[in-house]
């Protein structure tokens, strides 16, 4: 079944190049990417997905974002007993936007709450991958039941349109940005998809 889904997703690579709001979504030609090239692209995708700028908000049903990375000292749950609840936006207790409110031009203040021009929230619990291995996240991201039902192109479009994801590369406040660039990350998603979404545990 997984192979059928992968082939259906690969066929989307025949779509014409699309100009996104922030990136160019231009998949390689179908059949032009080897499995090894796909795994190499996945290695870079994992570097981004597992980086604190991304992984800290990809947490499970505890609904507690994490603080990790070189600017946080030790890895620990978000301070102030923050819990985003099942809503993933803090509706049950204290809205994430209470502190992560968008105010133009103030995201560079050290130790200030990060802000973007959209609602601050946790990723869906199905997308929890904080602390998971490369193989675990790889299998998760290619599974439509755990990636929001997104195709390869829709994953790329999600990265292009979702401003809270863009923050990972421009976090301000002395925070370490995610590696590579948004465009490079989108390109790697497309290469990995055209290769058939290979993971290291594939037989």
N, C-alpha and C. Protein backbone atom coordinates (compact mmCIF):
# COMPACT_ATOMS: atom_id res chain seq x y z
N UNK A 1 0.83 -1.21 0.00
CA UNK A 1 0.00 0.00 0.00
C UNK A 1 0.87 1.26 0.00
N UNK A 2 1.97 1.20 0.81
CA UNK A 2 2.84 2.36 0.90
C UNK A 2 3.44 2.69 -0.45
N UNK A 3 3.81 1.63 -1.22
CA UNK A 3 4.39 1.87 -2.54
C UNK A 3 3.40 2.51 -3.48
N UNK A 4 2.12 2.12 -3.37
CA UNK A 4 1.08 2.73 -4.21
C UNK A 4 0.95 4.20 -3.89
N UNK A 5 0.95 4.51 -2.60
CA UNK A 5 0.86 5.92 -2.19
C UNK A 5 2.07 6.69 -2.67
N UNK A 6 3.26 6.09 -2.52
CA UNK A 6 4.48 6.77 -2.95
C UNK A 6 4.44 7.06 -4.45
N UNK A 7 3.99 6.09 -5.23
CA UNK A 7 3.94 6.29 -6.68
C UNK A 7 2.95 7.39 -7.04
N UNK A 8 1.84 7.43 -6.32
CA UNK A 8 0.86 8.49 -6.59
C UNK A 8 1.45 9.85 -6.28
N UNK A 9 2.23 9.92 -5.20
CA UNK A 9 2.86 11.19 -4.86
C UNK A 9 3.94 11.57 -5.85
N UNK A 10 4.71 10.58 -6.29
CA UNK A 10 5.77 10.85 -7.26
C UNK A 10 5.18 11.42 -8.55
N UNK A 11 4.02 10.92 -8.94
CA UNK A 11 3.42 11.38 -10.20
C UNK A 11 3.12 12.87 -10.17
N UNK A 12 2.99 13.43 -8.98
CA UNK A 12 2.74 14.87 -8.88
C UNK A 12 3.95 15.68 -9.31
N UNK A 13 5.10 15.03 -9.40
CA UNK A 13 6.30 15.74 -9.82
C UNK A 13 6.22 16.20 -11.26
N UNK A 14 5.26 15.71 -11.99
CA UNK A 14 5.09 16.14 -13.37
C UNK A 14 4.40 17.49 -13.47
N UNK A 15 3.95 18.03 -12.32
CA UNK A 15 3.32 19.34 -12.34
C UNK A 15 4.31 20.40 -12.79
N UNK A 16 3.79 21.41 -13.42
CA UNK A 16 4.64 22.52 -13.87
C UNK A 16 5.20 23.27 -12.67
N UNK A 17 6.34 23.93 -12.89
CA UNK A 17 6.95 24.73 -11.84
C UNK A 17 5.95 25.77 -11.35
N UNK A 18 5.85 25.92 -10.05
CA UNK A 18 4.92 26.87 -9.46
C UNK A 18 5.68 27.94 -8.70
N UNK A 19 5.27 29.16 -8.85
CA UNK A 19 5.86 30.26 -8.10
C UNK A 19 5.11 30.41 -6.80
N UNK A 20 5.77 30.12 -5.68
CA UNK A 20 5.13 30.28 -4.39
C UNK A 20 5.29 31.71 -3.91
N UNK A 21 4.79 31.95 -2.71
CA UNK A 21 4.92 33.28 -2.13
C UNK A 21 6.37 33.57 -1.74
N UNK A 22 7.07 32.54 -1.31
CA UNK A 22 8.42 32.72 -0.81
C UNK A 22 9.45 31.79 -1.44
N UNK A 23 8.97 30.77 -2.15
CA UNK A 23 9.87 29.80 -2.76
C UNK A 23 9.39 29.46 -4.16
N UNK A 24 10.26 28.81 -4.91
CA UNK A 24 9.89 28.22 -6.20
C UNK A 24 9.72 26.73 -5.98
N UNK A 25 8.57 26.20 -6.33
CA UNK A 25 8.28 24.78 -6.16
C UNK A 25 8.46 24.12 -7.52
N UNK A 26 9.63 23.53 -7.72
CA UNK A 26 10.04 23.00 -9.02
C UNK A 26 10.58 21.59 -8.85
N UNK A 27 9.70 20.58 -8.82
CA UNK A 27 10.18 19.21 -8.60
C UNK A 27 11.02 18.69 -9.75
N UNK A 28 12.01 17.85 -9.45
CA UNK A 28 12.79 17.21 -10.52
C UNK A 28 11.88 16.33 -11.37
N UNK A 29 12.33 15.99 -12.55
CA UNK A 29 11.55 15.13 -13.43
C UNK A 29 11.38 13.75 -12.80
N UNK A 30 10.21 13.17 -12.99
CA UNK A 30 9.95 11.84 -12.47
C UNK A 30 10.99 10.85 -13.00
N UNK A 31 11.54 10.04 -12.10
CA UNK A 31 12.53 9.05 -12.48
C UNK A 31 13.95 9.57 -12.57
N UNK A 32 14.14 10.86 -12.25
CA UNK A 32 15.48 11.45 -12.40
C UNK A 32 16.29 11.42 -11.11
N UNK A 33 15.70 10.96 -10.01
CA UNK A 33 16.37 10.98 -8.71
C UNK A 33 16.53 9.54 -8.21
N UNK A 34 17.74 9.16 -7.86
CA UNK A 34 17.99 7.82 -7.35
C UNK A 34 17.62 7.73 -5.87
N UNK A 35 17.51 6.49 -5.39
CA UNK A 35 17.22 6.28 -3.98
C UNK A 35 18.32 6.90 -3.11
N UNK A 36 19.58 6.71 -3.50
CA UNK A 36 20.68 7.27 -2.71
C UNK A 36 20.61 8.79 -2.66
N UNK A 37 20.25 9.40 -3.78
CA UNK A 37 20.10 10.86 -3.80
C UNK A 37 18.93 11.29 -2.92
N UNK A 38 17.88 10.48 -2.94
CA UNK A 38 16.74 10.77 -2.07
C UNK A 38 17.10 10.68 -0.60
N UNK A 39 17.91 9.67 -0.25
CA UNK A 39 18.34 9.53 1.14
C UNK A 39 19.27 10.66 1.57
N UNK A 40 20.10 11.11 0.64
CA UNK A 40 20.97 12.26 0.94
C UNK A 40 20.13 13.50 1.22
N UNK A 41 19.10 13.71 0.38
CA UNK A 41 18.19 14.83 0.61
C UNK A 41 17.48 14.67 1.94
N UNK A 42 17.06 13.43 2.26
CA UNK A 42 16.41 13.21 3.55
C UNK A 42 17.34 13.57 4.70
N UNK A 43 18.62 13.23 4.59
CA UNK A 43 19.56 13.57 5.65
C UNK A 43 19.55 15.05 5.97
N UNK A 44 19.47 15.88 4.93
CA UNK A 44 19.40 17.34 5.16
C UNK A 44 18.04 17.73 5.74
N UNK A 45 16.97 17.08 5.26
CA UNK A 45 15.63 17.37 5.81
C UNK A 45 15.62 17.06 7.30
N UNK A 46 16.24 15.95 7.68
CA UNK A 46 16.26 15.58 9.10
C UNK A 46 17.04 16.60 9.93
N UNK A 47 18.11 17.14 9.37
CA UNK A 47 18.86 18.19 10.08
C UNK A 47 17.95 19.36 10.42
N UNK A 48 17.06 19.70 9.50
CA UNK A 48 16.12 20.80 9.74
C UNK A 48 15.04 20.37 10.73
N UNK A 49 14.40 19.22 10.46
CA UNK A 49 13.28 18.76 11.29
C UNK A 49 13.68 18.54 12.74
N UNK A 50 14.91 18.08 12.98
CA UNK A 50 15.36 17.79 14.34
C UNK A 50 16.01 18.98 15.02
N UNK A 51 16.19 20.07 14.27
CA UNK A 51 16.79 21.27 14.86
C UNK A 51 15.83 21.89 15.86
N UNK A 52 16.34 22.48 16.95
CA UNK A 52 15.45 23.07 17.96
C UNK A 52 14.43 24.06 17.40
N UNK A 53 14.78 24.81 16.35
CA UNK A 53 13.83 25.77 15.82
C UNK A 53 12.58 25.09 15.28
N UNK A 54 12.69 23.83 14.90
CA UNK A 54 11.53 23.09 14.40
C UNK A 54 11.01 22.11 15.45
N UNK A 55 11.91 21.33 16.02
CA UNK A 55 11.48 20.23 16.89
C UNK A 55 10.85 20.69 18.20
N UNK A 56 11.23 21.86 18.70
CA UNK A 56 10.72 22.30 20.00
C UNK A 56 9.20 22.40 20.07
N UNK A 57 8.57 22.63 18.91
CA UNK A 57 7.10 22.73 18.89
C UNK A 57 6.44 21.50 18.28
N UNK A 58 7.24 20.50 17.92
CA UNK A 58 6.70 19.24 17.40
C UNK A 58 6.70 18.22 18.54
N UNK A 59 5.83 18.46 19.52
CA UNK A 59 5.78 17.63 20.72
C UNK A 59 4.48 16.82 20.74
N UNK A 60 4.42 15.85 21.65
CA UNK A 60 3.30 14.93 21.70
C UNK A 60 2.14 15.39 22.56
N UNK A 61 1.37 14.43 23.08
CA UNK A 61 0.14 14.75 23.79
C UNK A 61 0.33 15.42 25.14
N UNK A 62 1.57 15.59 25.58
CA UNK A 62 1.79 16.40 26.80
C UNK A 62 1.41 17.85 26.54
N UNK A 63 1.40 18.23 25.26
CA UNK A 63 1.05 19.60 24.84
C UNK A 63 1.98 20.66 25.41
N UNK A 64 3.19 20.25 25.76
CA UNK A 64 4.16 21.17 26.34
C UNK A 64 5.30 21.41 25.36
N UNK A 65 5.44 22.61 24.83
CA UNK A 65 6.59 22.90 23.97
C UNK A 65 7.87 22.77 24.76
N UNK A 66 8.98 22.59 24.03
CA UNK A 66 10.27 22.40 24.67
C UNK A 66 11.16 23.61 24.48
N UNK A 67 12.10 23.77 25.38
CA UNK A 67 13.20 24.70 25.22
C UNK A 67 14.46 23.87 25.07
N UNK A 68 15.12 23.98 23.93
CA UNK A 68 16.37 23.26 23.73
C UNK A 68 17.23 24.02 22.74
N UNK A 69 18.49 23.65 22.67
CA UNK A 69 19.42 24.33 21.78
C UNK A 69 20.41 25.16 22.56
N UNK A 70 21.42 25.68 21.87
CA UNK A 70 22.53 26.35 22.56
C UNK A 70 22.15 27.59 23.34
N UNK A 71 21.07 28.27 22.99
CA UNK A 71 20.71 29.49 23.71
C UNK A 71 19.86 29.20 24.95
N UNK A 72 19.51 27.92 25.18
CA UNK A 72 18.64 27.58 26.31
C UNK A 72 19.37 26.86 27.44
N UNK A 73 20.67 26.62 27.27
CA UNK A 73 21.40 25.91 28.31
C UNK A 73 21.08 24.43 28.27
N UNK A 74 20.15 23.99 29.09
CA UNK A 74 19.78 22.58 29.11
C UNK A 74 18.40 22.39 28.48
N UNK A 75 18.16 21.19 27.96
CA UNK A 75 16.86 20.86 27.37
C UNK A 75 15.84 20.68 28.48
N UNK A 76 14.69 21.35 28.33
CA UNK A 76 13.64 21.27 29.35
C UNK A 76 12.32 21.75 28.75
N UNK A 77 11.20 21.41 29.40
CA UNK A 77 9.92 21.93 28.92
C UNK A 77 9.88 23.45 29.01
N UNK A 78 9.09 24.06 28.17
CA UNK A 78 8.87 25.52 28.18
C UNK A 78 8.62 25.99 29.59
N UNK A 79 9.24 27.08 29.96
CA UNK A 79 9.07 27.63 31.30
C UNK A 79 7.66 28.12 31.57
N UNK A 80 7.41 28.54 32.79
CA UNK A 80 6.14 29.11 33.23
C UNK A 80 4.99 28.11 33.16
N UNK A 81 5.34 26.82 33.17
CA UNK A 81 4.35 25.76 33.16
C UNK A 81 3.38 25.88 31.97
N UNK A 82 3.89 26.30 30.84
CA UNK A 82 3.06 26.48 29.65
C UNK A 82 2.53 25.14 29.17
N UNK A 83 1.24 25.11 28.87
CA UNK A 83 0.60 23.93 28.29
C UNK A 83 -0.37 24.41 27.22
N UNK A 84 -0.13 23.99 25.97
CA UNK A 84 -0.95 24.47 24.85
C UNK A 84 -2.27 23.73 24.73
N UNK A 85 -2.48 22.68 25.52
CA UNK A 85 -3.74 21.97 25.52
C UNK A 85 -4.01 21.22 24.22
N UNK A 86 -5.15 20.55 24.18
CA UNK A 86 -5.51 19.83 22.97
C UNK A 86 -5.74 20.77 21.79
N UNK A 87 -6.05 22.00 22.06
CA UNK A 87 -6.23 22.99 20.98
C UNK A 87 -4.92 23.30 20.30
N UNK A 88 -3.81 23.06 20.99
CA UNK A 88 -2.44 23.34 20.53
C UNK A 88 -2.15 24.84 20.42
N UNK A 89 -3.08 25.68 20.86
CA UNK A 89 -2.86 27.13 20.87
C UNK A 89 -3.02 27.72 22.27
N UNK A 90 -3.26 26.86 23.27
CA UNK A 90 -3.41 27.33 24.64
C UNK A 90 -4.79 27.81 24.99
N UNK A 91 -5.80 27.47 24.17
CA UNK A 91 -7.16 27.97 24.42
C UNK A 91 -7.71 27.52 25.77
N UNK A 92 -7.25 26.37 26.26
CA UNK A 92 -7.78 25.84 27.51
C UNK A 92 -7.20 26.54 28.75
N UNK A 93 -6.05 27.16 28.60
CA UNK A 93 -5.37 27.75 29.75
C UNK A 93 -4.98 29.20 29.47
N UNK A 94 -3.91 29.38 28.73
CA UNK A 94 -3.42 30.71 28.37
C UNK A 94 -2.98 30.66 26.91
N UNK A 95 -3.58 31.48 26.08
CA UNK A 95 -3.26 31.46 24.66
C UNK A 95 -1.78 31.71 24.42
N UNK A 96 -1.19 30.93 23.52
CA UNK A 96 0.21 31.14 23.15
C UNK A 96 0.43 32.59 22.69
N UNK A 97 -0.57 33.13 22.02
CA UNK A 97 -0.46 34.49 21.48
C UNK A 97 -0.45 35.56 22.57
N UNK A 98 -0.69 35.18 23.83
CA UNK A 98 -0.60 36.15 24.91
C UNK A 98 0.82 36.73 24.98
N UNK A 99 1.80 35.85 24.87
CA UNK A 99 3.19 36.29 24.86
C UNK A 99 3.75 36.35 23.44
N UNK A 100 3.33 35.41 22.61
CA UNK A 100 3.81 35.36 21.22
C UNK A 100 2.89 36.20 20.33
N UNK A 101 2.59 37.39 20.80
CA UNK A 101 1.74 38.30 20.03
C UNK A 101 2.57 39.01 18.98
N UNK A 102 2.00 39.20 17.82
CA UNK A 102 2.76 39.83 16.74
C UNK A 102 2.83 41.33 16.93
N UNK A 103 4.04 41.81 17.03
CA UNK A 103 4.29 43.25 17.06
C UNK A 103 5.42 43.52 16.09
N UNK A 104 5.16 44.22 15.06
CA UNK A 104 6.12 44.40 13.98
C UNK A 104 7.44 44.97 14.49
N UNK A 105 8.52 44.29 14.10
CA UNK A 105 9.85 44.83 14.34
C UNK A 105 10.46 44.56 15.69
N UNK A 106 9.86 43.67 16.52
CA UNK A 106 10.43 43.45 17.85
C UNK A 106 10.94 42.02 18.05
N UNK A 107 11.09 41.25 16.98
CA UNK A 107 11.50 39.86 17.14
C UNK A 107 13.00 39.70 17.40
N UNK A 108 13.77 40.77 17.32
CA UNK A 108 15.20 40.67 17.51
C UNK A 108 15.64 40.89 18.95
N UNK A 109 14.71 41.15 19.85
CA UNK A 109 15.08 41.39 21.24
C UNK A 109 15.52 40.10 21.92
N UNK A 110 16.73 40.05 22.46
CA UNK A 110 17.16 38.84 23.17
C UNK A 110 16.20 38.48 24.30
N UNK A 111 15.88 37.21 24.41
CA UNK A 111 15.03 36.65 25.47
C UNK A 111 13.56 37.04 25.34
N UNK A 112 13.19 37.83 24.34
CA UNK A 112 11.78 38.14 24.14
C UNK A 112 11.09 36.96 23.47
N UNK A 113 9.79 36.83 23.68
CA UNK A 113 9.05 35.72 23.07
C UNK A 113 9.06 35.87 21.55
N UNK A 114 9.41 34.81 20.82
CA UNK A 114 9.39 34.87 19.35
C UNK A 114 7.99 35.23 18.85
N UNK A 115 7.95 35.95 17.74
CA UNK A 115 6.68 36.42 17.19
C UNK A 115 6.69 36.33 15.68
N UNK A 116 5.56 35.93 15.11
CA UNK A 116 5.38 35.92 13.66
C UNK A 116 3.99 36.47 13.36
N UNK A 117 3.76 36.82 12.11
CA UNK A 117 2.49 37.44 11.72
C UNK A 117 1.41 36.39 11.48
N UNK A 118 1.24 35.50 12.43
CA UNK A 118 0.16 34.52 12.41
C UNK A 118 0.09 33.93 13.81
N UNK A 119 -0.92 33.11 14.06
CA UNK A 119 -1.08 32.53 15.39
C UNK A 119 0.07 31.59 15.71
N UNK A 120 0.66 31.78 16.90
CA UNK A 120 1.71 30.89 17.38
C UNK A 120 1.04 29.64 17.94
N UNK A 121 1.52 28.46 17.57
CA UNK A 121 0.88 27.23 18.02
C UNK A 121 1.82 26.05 17.89
N UNK A 122 1.46 24.96 18.54
CA UNK A 122 2.20 23.72 18.39
C UNK A 122 1.76 23.03 17.11
N UNK A 123 2.65 22.20 16.57
CA UNK A 123 2.26 21.33 15.46
C UNK A 123 1.23 20.33 15.96
N UNK A 124 0.41 19.76 15.07
CA UNK A 124 -0.56 18.74 15.50
C UNK A 124 0.15 17.58 16.19
N UNK A 125 -0.53 16.95 17.12
CA UNK A 125 0.09 15.87 17.88
C UNK A 125 0.54 14.73 16.98
N UNK A 126 -0.12 14.54 15.83
CA UNK A 126 0.29 13.50 14.88
C UNK A 126 1.68 13.77 14.32
N UNK A 127 2.09 15.04 14.36
CA UNK A 127 3.40 15.44 13.84
C UNK A 127 4.44 15.57 14.94
N UNK A 128 4.20 14.91 16.07
CA UNK A 128 5.16 14.97 17.18
C UNK A 128 6.43 14.22 16.80
N UNK A 129 7.58 14.92 16.87
CA UNK A 129 8.83 14.21 16.57
C UNK A 129 10.00 14.71 17.41
N UNK A 130 9.74 15.49 18.43
CA UNK A 130 10.84 15.93 19.29
C UNK A 130 11.55 14.71 19.86
N UNK A 131 12.88 14.65 19.68
CA UNK A 131 13.69 13.57 20.22
C UNK A 131 13.64 12.27 19.44
N UNK A 132 12.90 12.23 18.33
CA UNK A 132 12.82 11.00 17.54
C UNK A 132 13.99 10.87 16.59
N UNK A 133 14.24 9.64 16.16
CA UNK A 133 15.35 9.36 15.26
C UNK A 133 15.02 9.75 13.83
N UNK A 134 16.04 9.75 12.99
CA UNK A 134 15.85 10.06 11.57
C UNK A 134 14.86 9.10 10.93
N UNK A 135 14.99 7.81 11.21
CA UNK A 135 14.09 6.81 10.62
C UNK A 135 12.66 7.01 11.08
N UNK A 136 12.47 7.32 12.35
CA UNK A 136 11.12 7.53 12.87
C UNK A 136 10.45 8.72 12.20
N UNK A 137 11.17 9.83 12.09
CA UNK A 137 10.58 11.02 11.47
C UNK A 137 10.37 10.81 9.98
N UNK A 138 11.29 10.10 9.33
CA UNK A 138 11.16 9.83 7.90
C UNK A 138 9.86 9.08 7.61
N UNK A 139 9.61 8.00 8.37
CA UNK A 139 8.40 7.23 8.18
C UNK A 139 7.15 8.03 8.52
N UNK A 140 7.27 8.89 9.48
CA UNK A 140 6.15 9.73 9.90
C UNK A 140 5.80 10.76 8.83
N UNK A 141 6.81 11.42 8.27
CA UNK A 141 6.55 12.51 7.34
C UNK A 141 6.01 12.02 6.00
N UNK A 142 6.30 10.78 5.63
CA UNK A 142 5.79 10.28 4.36
C UNK A 142 4.43 9.59 4.51
N UNK A 143 3.95 9.47 5.74
CA UNK A 143 2.68 8.80 6.01
C UNK A 143 1.54 9.81 5.97
N UNK A 144 0.62 9.71 5.00
CA UNK A 144 -0.48 10.68 4.91
C UNK A 144 -1.32 10.78 6.17
N UNK A 145 -1.38 9.70 6.95
CA UNK A 145 -2.17 9.72 8.18
C UNK A 145 -1.50 10.53 9.27
N UNK A 146 -0.20 10.80 9.09
CA UNK A 146 0.53 11.55 10.12
C UNK A 146 1.16 12.83 9.58
N UNK A 147 0.92 13.17 8.32
CA UNK A 147 1.48 14.42 7.78
C UNK A 147 0.38 15.38 7.32
N UNK A 148 -0.83 15.17 7.85
CA UNK A 148 -1.93 16.04 7.49
C UNK A 148 -2.54 15.67 6.15
N UNK A 149 -2.27 14.47 5.65
CA UNK A 149 -2.82 14.04 4.37
C UNK A 149 -2.18 14.74 3.19
N UNK A 150 -0.96 15.27 3.38
CA UNK A 150 -0.32 16.08 2.35
C UNK A 150 0.47 15.25 1.35
N UNK A 151 0.38 15.63 0.09
CA UNK A 151 1.24 15.08 -0.95
C UNK A 151 2.59 15.80 -0.90
N UNK A 152 3.50 15.36 -1.73
CA UNK A 152 4.81 16.01 -1.80
C UNK A 152 4.67 17.50 -2.10
N UNK A 153 3.86 17.83 -3.08
CA UNK A 153 3.68 19.24 -3.46
C UNK A 153 3.02 20.00 -2.32
N UNK A 154 2.07 19.38 -1.65
CA UNK A 154 1.38 20.06 -0.55
C UNK A 154 2.30 20.28 0.65
N UNK A 155 3.24 19.37 0.88
CA UNK A 155 4.24 19.61 1.93
C UNK A 155 5.07 20.83 1.57
N UNK A 156 5.50 20.91 0.32
CA UNK A 156 6.29 22.06 -0.13
C UNK A 156 5.48 23.34 -0.02
N UNK A 157 4.22 23.29 -0.40
CA UNK A 157 3.37 24.48 -0.32
C UNK A 157 3.13 24.89 1.13
N UNK A 158 3.00 23.91 2.02
CA UNK A 158 2.84 24.18 3.45
C UNK A 158 4.06 24.94 3.97
N UNK A 159 5.24 24.51 3.57
CA UNK A 159 6.46 25.20 3.97
C UNK A 159 6.51 26.62 3.40
N UNK A 160 5.99 26.78 2.19
CA UNK A 160 6.03 28.07 1.52
C UNK A 160 5.09 29.08 2.17
N UNK A 161 3.89 28.62 2.56
CA UNK A 161 2.85 29.56 3.00
C UNK A 161 2.79 29.79 4.51
N UNK A 162 3.30 28.85 5.30
CA UNK A 162 3.12 28.92 6.75
C UNK A 162 4.22 29.75 7.39
N UNK A 163 3.88 30.98 7.78
CA UNK A 163 4.89 31.92 8.28
C UNK A 163 5.54 31.46 9.57
N UNK A 164 4.86 30.67 10.37
CA UNK A 164 5.46 30.20 11.61
C UNK A 164 6.64 29.28 11.31
N UNK A 165 6.60 28.62 10.15
CA UNK A 165 7.73 27.78 9.75
C UNK A 165 8.89 28.62 9.24
N UNK A 166 8.59 29.72 8.58
CA UNK A 166 9.65 30.60 8.06
C UNK A 166 10.50 31.15 9.20
N UNK A 167 9.87 31.34 10.36
CA UNK A 167 10.58 31.89 11.52
C UNK A 167 11.81 31.05 11.87
N UNK A 168 11.77 29.74 11.56
CA UNK A 168 12.89 28.86 11.90
C UNK A 168 14.20 29.34 11.29
N UNK A 169 14.13 30.01 10.15
CA UNK A 169 15.34 30.48 9.48
C UNK A 169 15.66 31.94 9.80
N UNK A 170 14.74 32.65 10.44
CA UNK A 170 14.98 34.04 10.84
C UNK A 170 14.45 34.25 12.25
N UNK A 171 14.99 33.53 13.24
CA UNK A 171 14.40 33.55 14.57
C UNK A 171 14.71 34.80 15.39
N UNK A 172 15.74 35.53 15.02
CA UNK A 172 16.08 36.75 15.76
C UNK A 172 16.48 36.47 17.20
N UNK A 173 16.77 37.53 17.94
CA UNK A 173 17.07 37.42 19.36
C UNK A 173 18.30 36.60 19.68
N UNK A 174 19.23 36.47 18.75
CA UNK A 174 20.43 35.69 18.99
C UNK A 174 20.22 34.19 18.91
N UNK A 175 19.03 33.75 18.49
CA UNK A 175 18.74 32.32 18.40
C UNK A 175 19.41 31.73 17.16
N UNK A 176 19.84 30.48 17.26
CA UNK A 176 20.46 29.79 16.14
C UNK A 176 19.39 29.41 15.12
N UNK A 177 19.53 29.81 13.86
CA UNK A 177 18.53 29.45 12.86
C UNK A 177 18.65 28.00 12.43
N UNK A 178 17.60 27.49 11.84
CA UNK A 178 17.65 26.15 11.24
C UNK A 178 18.68 26.15 10.11
N UNK A 179 19.28 25.00 9.80
CA UNK A 179 20.31 24.94 8.75
C UNK A 179 19.74 25.12 7.35
N UNK A 180 20.65 25.42 6.43
CA UNK A 180 20.32 25.61 5.02
C UNK A 180 19.41 26.84 4.87
N UNK A 181 18.46 26.80 3.97
CA UNK A 181 17.53 27.91 3.76
C UNK A 181 16.16 27.32 3.47
N UNK A 182 15.13 28.16 3.52
CA UNK A 182 13.78 27.69 3.22
C UNK A 182 13.72 27.10 1.81
N UNK A 183 14.32 27.78 0.83
CA UNK A 183 14.30 27.27 -0.54
C UNK A 183 15.03 25.93 -0.64
N UNK A 184 16.17 25.82 0.01
CA UNK A 184 16.92 24.56 -0.03
C UNK A 184 16.12 23.43 0.62
N UNK A 185 15.41 23.77 1.70
CA UNK A 185 14.60 22.75 2.38
C UNK A 185 13.45 22.28 1.49
N UNK A 186 12.79 23.22 0.83
CA UNK A 186 11.72 22.86 -0.12
C UNK A 186 12.29 21.99 -1.23
N UNK A 187 13.44 22.38 -1.77
CA UNK A 187 14.06 21.60 -2.84
C UNK A 187 14.36 20.17 -2.39
N UNK A 188 14.84 20.03 -1.15
CA UNK A 188 15.15 18.69 -0.64
C UNK A 188 13.87 17.86 -0.48
N UNK A 189 12.79 18.47 -0.03
CA UNK A 189 11.50 17.76 0.07
C UNK A 189 11.10 17.22 -1.29
N UNK A 190 11.26 18.03 -2.33
CA UNK A 190 10.88 17.62 -3.68
C UNK A 190 11.78 16.50 -4.21
N UNK A 191 13.08 16.61 -3.96
CA UNK A 191 14.01 15.55 -4.38
C UNK A 191 13.67 14.25 -3.67
N UNK A 192 13.45 14.31 -2.37
CA UNK A 192 13.10 13.13 -1.58
C UNK A 192 11.80 12.50 -2.08
N UNK A 193 10.81 13.34 -2.39
CA UNK A 193 9.54 12.84 -2.88
C UNK A 193 9.65 12.16 -4.23
N UNK A 194 10.37 12.78 -5.15
CA UNK A 194 10.52 12.20 -6.49
C UNK A 194 11.30 10.89 -6.42
N UNK A 195 12.19 10.76 -5.42
CA UNK A 195 12.93 9.51 -5.23
C UNK A 195 12.06 8.40 -4.66
N UNK A 196 10.83 8.74 -4.27
CA UNK A 196 9.92 7.74 -3.71
C UNK A 196 9.85 7.75 -2.20
N UNK A 197 10.26 8.84 -1.56
CA UNK A 197 10.24 8.98 -0.10
C UNK A 197 11.01 7.86 0.59
N UNK A 198 12.26 7.62 0.20
CA UNK A 198 13.00 6.52 0.84
C UNK A 198 13.35 6.82 2.28
N UNK A 199 13.34 5.78 3.10
CA UNK A 199 13.82 5.86 4.48
C UNK A 199 14.86 4.76 4.66
N UNK A 200 15.74 4.93 5.62
CA UNK A 200 16.85 4.00 5.81
C UNK A 200 16.38 2.60 6.17
N UNK A 201 15.18 2.47 6.72
CA UNK A 201 14.69 1.15 7.13
C UNK A 201 13.97 0.40 6.01
N UNK A 202 13.89 0.99 4.81
CA UNK A 202 13.24 0.29 3.69
C UNK A 202 14.03 -0.96 3.31
N UNK A 203 13.32 -1.99 2.97
CA UNK A 203 13.99 -3.23 2.57
C UNK A 203 14.37 -3.15 1.10
